Amino acid sequence: MLRNCEECNRVFSHPTRSLCNECYEEAQKSFKTVKDYLRENPGASVAQVSKETEVPIELIQEYIQEGRLDVIPRDAILKCAICGSAINVGRICAKCRGDLRSTISTEKARTRDTGDRARSRMYILDSIRDDKKD
């Protein structure tokens, strides 16, 4: 499958990646640099890691959010993707994870009872976010 690289816009072929080989290798090198720096300097701040590794802060934040780093910077702030509360790891806080599980169970039962497939899983997260806003 032909596609354009998200980073450099070159045309390349790969079944799953969104980056060409050159950009992918560069991204892997940046990640390894950040990971190695944090292992050697576990008390470093995000800004310090960025300065010393020359990797943009946004990219370091992305690594943290994705849970890819073993050691995270001391001032890293993660927020729940649903309610925005502070969390230590992952993308969703324990409360929203519980709400999500119960909503999924309810939706499965409702779909099974009514045969209504219009509200599928992809709408459940939006439903929970809307409930939190109210």
Protein backbone atom coordinates (compact mmCIF):
# COMPACT_ATOMS: atom_id res chain seq x y z
CA MET A 1 0.00 0.00 0.00
CA LEU A 2 1.43 3.35 -1.04
CA ARG A 3 1.14 6.30 1.33
CA ASN A 4 2.80 9.58 2.18
CA CYS A 5 5.07 9.82 5.20
CA GLU A 6 3.48 11.87 8.00
CA GLU A 7 6.82 13.49 8.74
CA CYS A 8 8.47 14.26 5.39
CA ASN A 9 5.59 13.58 2.96
CA ARG A 10 7.67 11.17 0.84
CA VAL A 11 5.82 8.33 -0.84
CA PHE A 12 6.59 4.91 0.61
CA SER A 13 5.09 1.48 0.92
CA HIS A 14 4.42 -0.26 4.24
CA PRO A 15 1.31 -2.10 5.42
CA THR A 16 1.09 -0.52 8.90
CA ARG A 17 3.54 2.34 9.44
CA SER A 18 2.74 5.99 8.83
CA LEU A 19 6.43 6.95 8.54
CA CYS A 20 8.89 6.14 5.76
CA ASN A 21 11.94 4.05 6.67
CA GLU A 22 14.23 7.05 7.14
CA CYS A 23 11.79 8.93 9.40
CA TYR A 24 10.93 5.74 11.28
CA GLU A 25 14.62 5.09 12.01
CA GLU A 26 15.03 8.71 13.14
CA ALA A 27 11.98 8.40 15.43
CA GLN A 28 13.37 5.18 16.92
CA LYS A 29 16.74 6.84 17.48
CA SER A 30 15.07 9.80 19.25
CA PHE A 31 13.06 7.47 21.48
CA LYS A 32 16.15 5.44 22.41
CA THR A 33 18.06 8.64 23.19
CA VAL A 34 15.31 9.84 25.55
CA LYS A 35 14.93 6.40 27.16
CA ASP A 36 18.68 6.04 27.74
CA TYR A 37 18.97 9.59 29.11
CA LEU A 38 16.16 9.01 31.60
CA ARG A 39 17.68 5.73 32.78
CA GLU A 40 20.96 7.53 33.47
CA ASN A 41 19.22 10.64 34.93
CA PRO A 42 15.97 9.46 36.57
CA GLY A 43 15.31 12.79 38.35
CA ALA A 44 15.47 14.89 35.19
CA SER A 45 12.66 17.26 34.19
CA VAL A 46 10.95 17.19 30.79
CA ALA A 47 12.69 20.44 29.79
CA GLN A 48 16.07 19.08 30.86
CA VAL A 49 15.54 15.85 28.90
CA SER A 50 14.54 17.86 25.85
CA LYS A 51 17.54 20.17 26.13
CA GLU A 52 20.07 17.39 26.64
CA THR A 53 18.68 14.99 24.02
CA GLU A 54 17.55 17.64 21.50
CA VAL A 55 14.18 15.87 21.26
CA PRO A 56 11.15 18.23 21.26
CA ILE A 57 9.13 18.42 24.48
CA GLU A 58 5.96 17.49 22.56
CA LEU A 59 7.54 14.23 21.44
CA ILE A 60 8.69 13.41 24.97
CA GLN A 61 5.15 14.11 26.23
CA GLU A 62 3.85 11.74 23.54
CA TYR A 63 6.22 8.98 24.74
CA ILE A 64 4.98 9.51 28.29
CA GLN A 65 1.31 9.49 27.28
CA GLU A 66 1.78 6.30 25.28
CA GLY A 67 3.41 4.64 28.30
CA ARG A 68 6.55 3.78 26.33
CA LEU A 69 9.09 4.99 28.90
CA ASP A 70 10.22 2.89 31.88
CA VAL A 71 11.36 6.00 33.74
CA ILE A 72 9.39 9.22 33.33
CA PRO A 73 10.59 12.77 34.04
CA ARG A 74 9.87 14.01 37.57
CA ASP A 75 7.58 16.80 36.37
CA ALA A 76 5.63 14.77 33.80
CA ILE A 77 1.91 15.44 34.01
CA LEU A 78 -0.50 12.90 32.64
CA LYS A 79 -4.19 13.67 32.33
CA CYS A 80 -7.14 11.34 31.90
CA ALA A 81 -8.30 11.32 28.26
CA ILE A 82 -11.93 11.47 29.43
CA CYS A 83 -12.17 13.77 32.45
CA GLY A 84 -8.79 15.49 32.45
CA SER A 85 -7.84 14.60 36.04
CA ALA A 86 -4.19 13.93 36.87
CA ILE A 87 -3.05 10.31 36.59
CA ASN A 88 0.27 8.51 37.08
CA VAL A 89 0.15 6.04 34.22
CA GLY A 90 -1.90 5.17 31.14
CA ARG A 91 -4.53 7.25 29.41
CA ILE A 92 -7.66 6.87 31.60
CA CYS A 93 -8.10 7.31 35.37
CA ALA A 94 -9.44 4.48 37.53
CA LYS A 95 -12.87 6.12 37.95
CA CYS A 96 -13.40 6.65 34.21
CA ARG A 97 -12.10 3.14 33.50
CA GLY A 98 -14.77 1.78 35.86
CA ASP A 99 -17.43 3.98 34.23
CA LEU A 100 -16.31 2.77 30.82
CA ARG A 101 -16.55 -0.88 31.87
CA SER A 102 -20.03 -0.46 33.29
CA THR A 103 -21.19 1.49 30.22
CA ILE A 104 -19.82 -1.20 27.91
CA SER A 105 -21.61 -3.90 29.93
CA THR A 106 -24.87 -1.92 29.80
CA GLU A 107 -24.51 -1.31 26.06
CA LYS A 108 -23.79 -4.98 25.39
CA ALA A 109 -26.90 -5.99 27.29
CA ARG A 110 -29.03 -3.33 25.56
CA THR A 111 -27.75 -4.27 22.12
CA ARG A 112 -28.35 -7.95 22.84
CA ASP A 113 -31.90 -7.23 24.05
CA THR A 114 -32.95 -4.80 21.30
CA GLY A 115 -30.70 -5.82 18.44
CA ASP A 116 -29.79 -2.10 18.05
CA ARG A 117 -26.28 -1.86 16.69
CA ALA A 118 -26.50 1.87 15.95
CA ARG A 119 -24.74 2.70 19.24
CA SER A 120 -21.53 0.76 18.91
CA ARG A 121 -18.42 0.89 21.07
CA MET A 122 -17.01 3.89 19.26
CA TYR A 123 -19.83 6.03 20.67
CA ILE A 124 -19.42 4.88 24.27
CA LEU A 125 -16.37 7.06 24.99
CA ASP A 126 -18.14 10.11 23.58
CA SER A 127 -21.16 9.29 25.72
CA ILE A 128 -19.03 9.16 28.89
CA ARG A 129 -17.29 12.44 28.00
CA ASP A 130 -20.68 14.11 27.48
CA ASP A 131 -21.92 12.82 30.84
CA LYS A 132 -18.80 14.25 32.57
CA LYS A 133 -19.41 17.70 31.01
CA ASP A 134 -22.96 17.90 32.38
